[in-house]
Amino acid sequence: MNATKELDARGLNCPLPILKAKKALADMTSGQTLKVIATDAGSVRDFQAFAKQTGNELVEQSTEGADFITVLKRR
């Protein structure tokens, strides 16, 4: 999937991937997508909760090697 913006959060632990994603989404317009690449396994669960709390759409989550990929759509 081609995302509007990509955020590399590898090596960061909770809550930094969420905080960086929140900041990135704030600079985006409605309907744009953000791809977050993280190495913290907890980020999968964290982004699910983040999407529910903020109203942003959780488009996709996947794992590629040690990377946990999350794609969010700005509300």
N, C-alpha and C. Protein backbone atom coordinates (compact mmCIF):
# COMPACT_ATOMS: atom_id res chain seq x y z
N MET A 1 0.84 -1.19 0.00
CA MET A 1 0.00 0.00 0.00
C MET A 1 0.88 1.24 0.00
N ASN A 2 0.56 2.20 -0.85
CA ASN A 2 1.28 3.46 -0.89
C ASN A 2 0.67 4.43 0.11
N ALA A 3 1.44 4.78 1.12
CA ALA A 3 0.97 5.71 2.14
C ALA A 3 1.39 7.13 1.77
N THR A 4 0.62 8.09 2.24
CA THR A 4 0.94 9.50 2.01
C THR A 4 2.25 9.85 2.70
N LYS A 5 2.42 9.31 3.92
CA LYS A 5 3.59 9.62 4.73
C LYS A 5 4.05 8.35 5.43
N GLU A 6 5.36 8.23 5.64
CA GLU A 6 5.90 7.06 6.33
C GLU A 6 6.68 7.51 7.55
N LEU A 7 6.48 6.80 8.66
CA LEU A 7 7.15 7.13 9.92
C LEU A 7 7.97 5.93 10.36
N ASP A 8 9.26 6.12 10.53
CA ASP A 8 10.15 5.06 11.00
C ASP A 8 10.28 5.18 12.51
N ALA A 9 9.63 4.26 13.24
CA ALA A 9 9.68 4.27 14.70
C ALA A 9 10.45 3.06 15.21
N ARG A 10 11.33 2.51 14.37
CA ARG A 10 12.12 1.35 14.78
C ARG A 10 13.06 1.73 15.92
N GLY A 11 13.15 0.84 16.90
CA GLY A 11 14.03 1.08 18.04
C GLY A 11 13.38 1.89 19.15
N LEU A 12 12.19 2.39 18.91
CA LEU A 12 11.48 3.18 19.93
C LEU A 12 10.50 2.29 20.68
N ASN A 13 10.41 2.50 21.99
CA ASN A 13 9.48 1.74 22.81
C ASN A 13 8.29 2.59 23.20
N CYS A 14 7.22 1.91 23.61
CA CYS A 14 5.99 2.56 24.03
C CYS A 14 6.30 3.64 25.05
N PRO A 15 5.74 4.80 24.97
CA PRO A 15 4.68 5.24 24.07
C PRO A 15 5.17 6.04 22.86
N LEU A 16 6.48 6.04 22.60
CA LEU A 16 7.03 6.90 21.55
C LEU A 16 6.46 6.66 20.15
N PRO A 17 6.27 5.41 19.69
CA PRO A 17 5.67 5.25 18.35
C PRO A 17 4.29 5.90 18.24
N ILE A 18 3.48 5.78 19.28
CA ILE A 18 2.14 6.40 19.29
C ILE A 18 2.26 7.92 19.28
N LEU A 19 3.12 8.46 20.11
CA LEU A 19 3.28 9.92 20.19
C LEU A 19 3.77 10.50 18.87
N LYS A 20 4.72 9.83 18.23
CA LYS A 20 5.22 10.31 16.94
C LYS A 20 4.15 10.20 15.85
N ALA A 21 3.36 9.13 15.90
CA ALA A 21 2.27 8.95 14.93
C ALA A 21 1.21 10.04 15.14
N LYS A 22 0.90 10.33 16.38
CA LYS A 22 -0.10 11.36 16.68
C LYS A 22 0.35 12.71 16.13
N LYS A 23 1.62 13.03 16.31
CA LYS A 23 2.17 14.29 15.80
C LYS A 23 2.13 14.31 14.27
N ALA A 24 2.49 13.20 13.63
CA ALA A 24 2.50 13.12 12.17
C ALA A 24 1.08 13.27 11.62
N LEU A 25 0.11 12.61 12.25
CA LEU A 25 -1.28 12.68 11.79
C LEU A 25 -1.83 14.11 11.93
N ALA A 26 -1.39 14.82 12.94
CA ALA A 26 -1.86 16.19 13.15
C ALA A 26 -1.48 17.11 11.99
N ASP A 27 -0.38 16.78 11.30
CA ASP A 27 0.10 17.58 10.18
C ASP A 27 -0.50 17.14 8.84
N MET A 28 -1.37 16.13 8.87
CA MET A 28 -1.93 15.59 7.64
C MET A 28 -3.39 16.02 7.49
N THR A 29 -3.91 15.89 6.27
CA THR A 29 -5.31 16.24 6.04
C THR A 29 -6.17 14.97 6.05
N SER A 30 -7.46 15.16 6.20
CA SER A 30 -8.40 14.05 6.27
C SER A 30 -8.29 13.15 5.04
N GLY A 31 -8.23 11.84 5.28
CA GLY A 31 -8.17 10.87 4.19
C GLY A 31 -6.76 10.44 3.82
N GLN A 32 -5.75 11.18 4.28
CA GLN A 32 -4.37 10.79 3.99
C GLN A 32 -3.98 9.60 4.87
N THR A 33 -2.99 8.82 4.43
CA THR A 33 -2.60 7.64 5.18
C THR A 33 -1.17 7.76 5.70
N LEU A 34 -0.96 7.17 6.87
CA LEU A 34 0.33 7.17 7.54
C LEU A 34 0.75 5.72 7.77
N LYS A 35 1.94 5.38 7.27
CA LYS A 35 2.51 4.04 7.49
C LYS A 35 3.55 4.17 8.59
N VAL A 36 3.37 3.39 9.66
CA VAL A 36 4.30 3.41 10.79
C VAL A 36 5.04 2.08 10.83
N ILE A 37 6.36 2.14 10.88
CA ILE A 37 7.18 0.94 10.99
C ILE A 37 7.81 0.95 12.39
N ALA A 38 7.47 -0.05 13.21
CA ALA A 38 7.95 -0.11 14.58
C ALA A 38 8.54 -1.49 14.86
N THR A 39 9.42 -1.56 15.87
CA THR A 39 9.98 -2.85 16.28
C THR A 39 9.44 -3.27 17.64
N ASP A 40 8.66 -2.43 18.28
CA ASP A 40 8.05 -2.74 19.57
C ASP A 40 6.79 -3.57 19.33
N ALA A 41 6.81 -4.83 19.79
CA ALA A 41 5.66 -5.73 19.58
C ALA A 41 4.39 -5.17 20.20
N GLY A 42 4.51 -4.39 21.26
CA GLY A 42 3.35 -3.79 21.91
C GLY A 42 2.66 -2.74 21.05
N SER A 43 3.35 -2.26 20.03
CA SER A 43 2.78 -1.22 19.17
C SER A 43 1.55 -1.73 18.41
N VAL A 44 1.49 -3.03 18.13
CA VAL A 44 0.33 -3.59 17.42
C VAL A 44 -0.94 -3.33 18.22
N ARG A 45 -0.91 -3.71 19.47
CA ARG A 45 -2.05 -3.51 20.38
C ARG A 45 -2.28 -2.01 20.63
N ASP A 46 -1.19 -1.28 20.80
CA ASP A 46 -1.29 0.16 21.09
C ASP A 46 -1.97 0.91 19.95
N PHE A 47 -1.63 0.59 18.71
CA PHE A 47 -2.23 1.29 17.58
C PHE A 47 -3.71 0.92 17.40
N GLN A 48 -4.09 -0.30 17.78
CA GLN A 48 -5.51 -0.67 17.73
C GLN A 48 -6.30 0.20 18.70
N ALA A 49 -5.79 0.37 19.91
CA ALA A 49 -6.45 1.21 20.91
C ALA A 49 -6.43 2.68 20.50
N PHE A 50 -5.31 3.13 19.94
CA PHE A 50 -5.16 4.51 19.48
C PHE A 50 -6.21 4.85 18.43
N ALA A 51 -6.40 3.94 17.47
CA ALA A 51 -7.38 4.17 16.40
C ALA A 51 -8.79 4.29 16.97
N LYS A 52 -9.14 3.43 17.92
CA LYS A 52 -10.47 3.49 18.53
C LYS A 52 -10.68 4.79 19.29
N GLN A 53 -9.66 5.22 20.02
CA GLN A 53 -9.76 6.42 20.85
C GLN A 53 -9.80 7.71 20.04
N THR A 54 -9.10 7.73 18.90
CA THR A 54 -8.97 8.98 18.14
C THR A 54 -9.93 9.08 16.96
N GLY A 55 -10.51 7.94 16.55
CA GLY A 55 -11.41 7.97 15.40
C GLY A 55 -10.70 7.86 14.07
N ASN A 56 -9.36 7.73 14.11
CA ASN A 56 -8.62 7.48 12.87
C ASN A 56 -8.81 6.02 12.50
N GLU A 57 -8.84 5.72 11.21
CA GLU A 57 -9.10 4.36 10.74
C GLU A 57 -7.82 3.53 10.72
N LEU A 58 -7.88 2.34 11.33
CA LEU A 58 -6.79 1.39 11.26
C LEU A 58 -6.98 0.60 9.97
N VAL A 59 -6.20 0.92 8.95
CA VAL A 59 -6.37 0.34 7.62
C VAL A 59 -5.78 -1.06 7.56
N GLU A 60 -4.60 -1.23 8.13
CA GLU A 60 -3.90 -2.49 7.97
C GLU A 60 -2.80 -2.63 9.01
N GLN A 61 -2.55 -3.87 9.43
CA GLN A 61 -1.41 -4.18 10.29
C GLN A 61 -0.76 -5.45 9.76
N SER A 62 0.56 -5.47 9.74
CA SER A 62 1.28 -6.65 9.27
C SER A 62 2.64 -6.71 9.94
N THR A 63 3.29 -7.86 9.79
CA THR A 63 4.63 -8.05 10.34
C THR A 63 5.56 -8.46 9.20
N GLU A 64 6.70 -7.79 9.12
CA GLU A 64 7.72 -8.12 8.12
C GLU A 64 9.04 -8.28 8.86
N GLY A 65 9.42 -9.53 9.11
CA GLY A 65 10.64 -9.79 9.89
C GLY A 65 10.45 -9.27 11.30
N ALA A 66 11.33 -8.37 11.73
CA ALA A 66 11.24 -7.80 13.08
C ALA A 66 10.40 -6.53 13.12
N ASP A 67 9.88 -6.12 11.96
CA ASP A 67 9.12 -4.87 11.87
C ASP A 67 7.62 -5.11 11.96
N PHE A 68 6.96 -4.27 12.72
CA PHE A 68 5.50 -4.28 12.83
C PHE A 68 4.99 -3.06 12.07
N ILE A 69 4.23 -3.30 11.01
CA ILE A 69 3.76 -2.23 10.12
C ILE A 69 2.30 -1.92 10.43
N THR A 70 1.99 -0.66 10.61
CA THR A 70 0.63 -0.20 10.85
C THR A 70 0.33 0.91 9.87
N VAL A 71 -0.84 0.84 9.22
CA VAL A 71 -1.27 1.92 8.32
C VAL A 71 -2.54 2.52 8.90
N LEU A 72 -2.51 3.82 9.12
CA LEU A 72 -3.64 4.57 9.67
C LEU A 72 -4.13 5.58 8.64
N LYS A 73 -5.44 5.79 8.61
CA LYS A 73 -6.03 6.82 7.74
C LYS A 73 -6.54 7.94 8.63
N ARG A 74 -6.10 9.16 8.30
CA ARG A 74 -6.49 10.35 9.08
C ARG A 74 -7.99 10.59 8.95
N ARG A 75 -8.64 10.82 10.07
CA ARG A 75 -10.09 11.07 10.07
C ARG A 75 -10.38 12.46 9.57
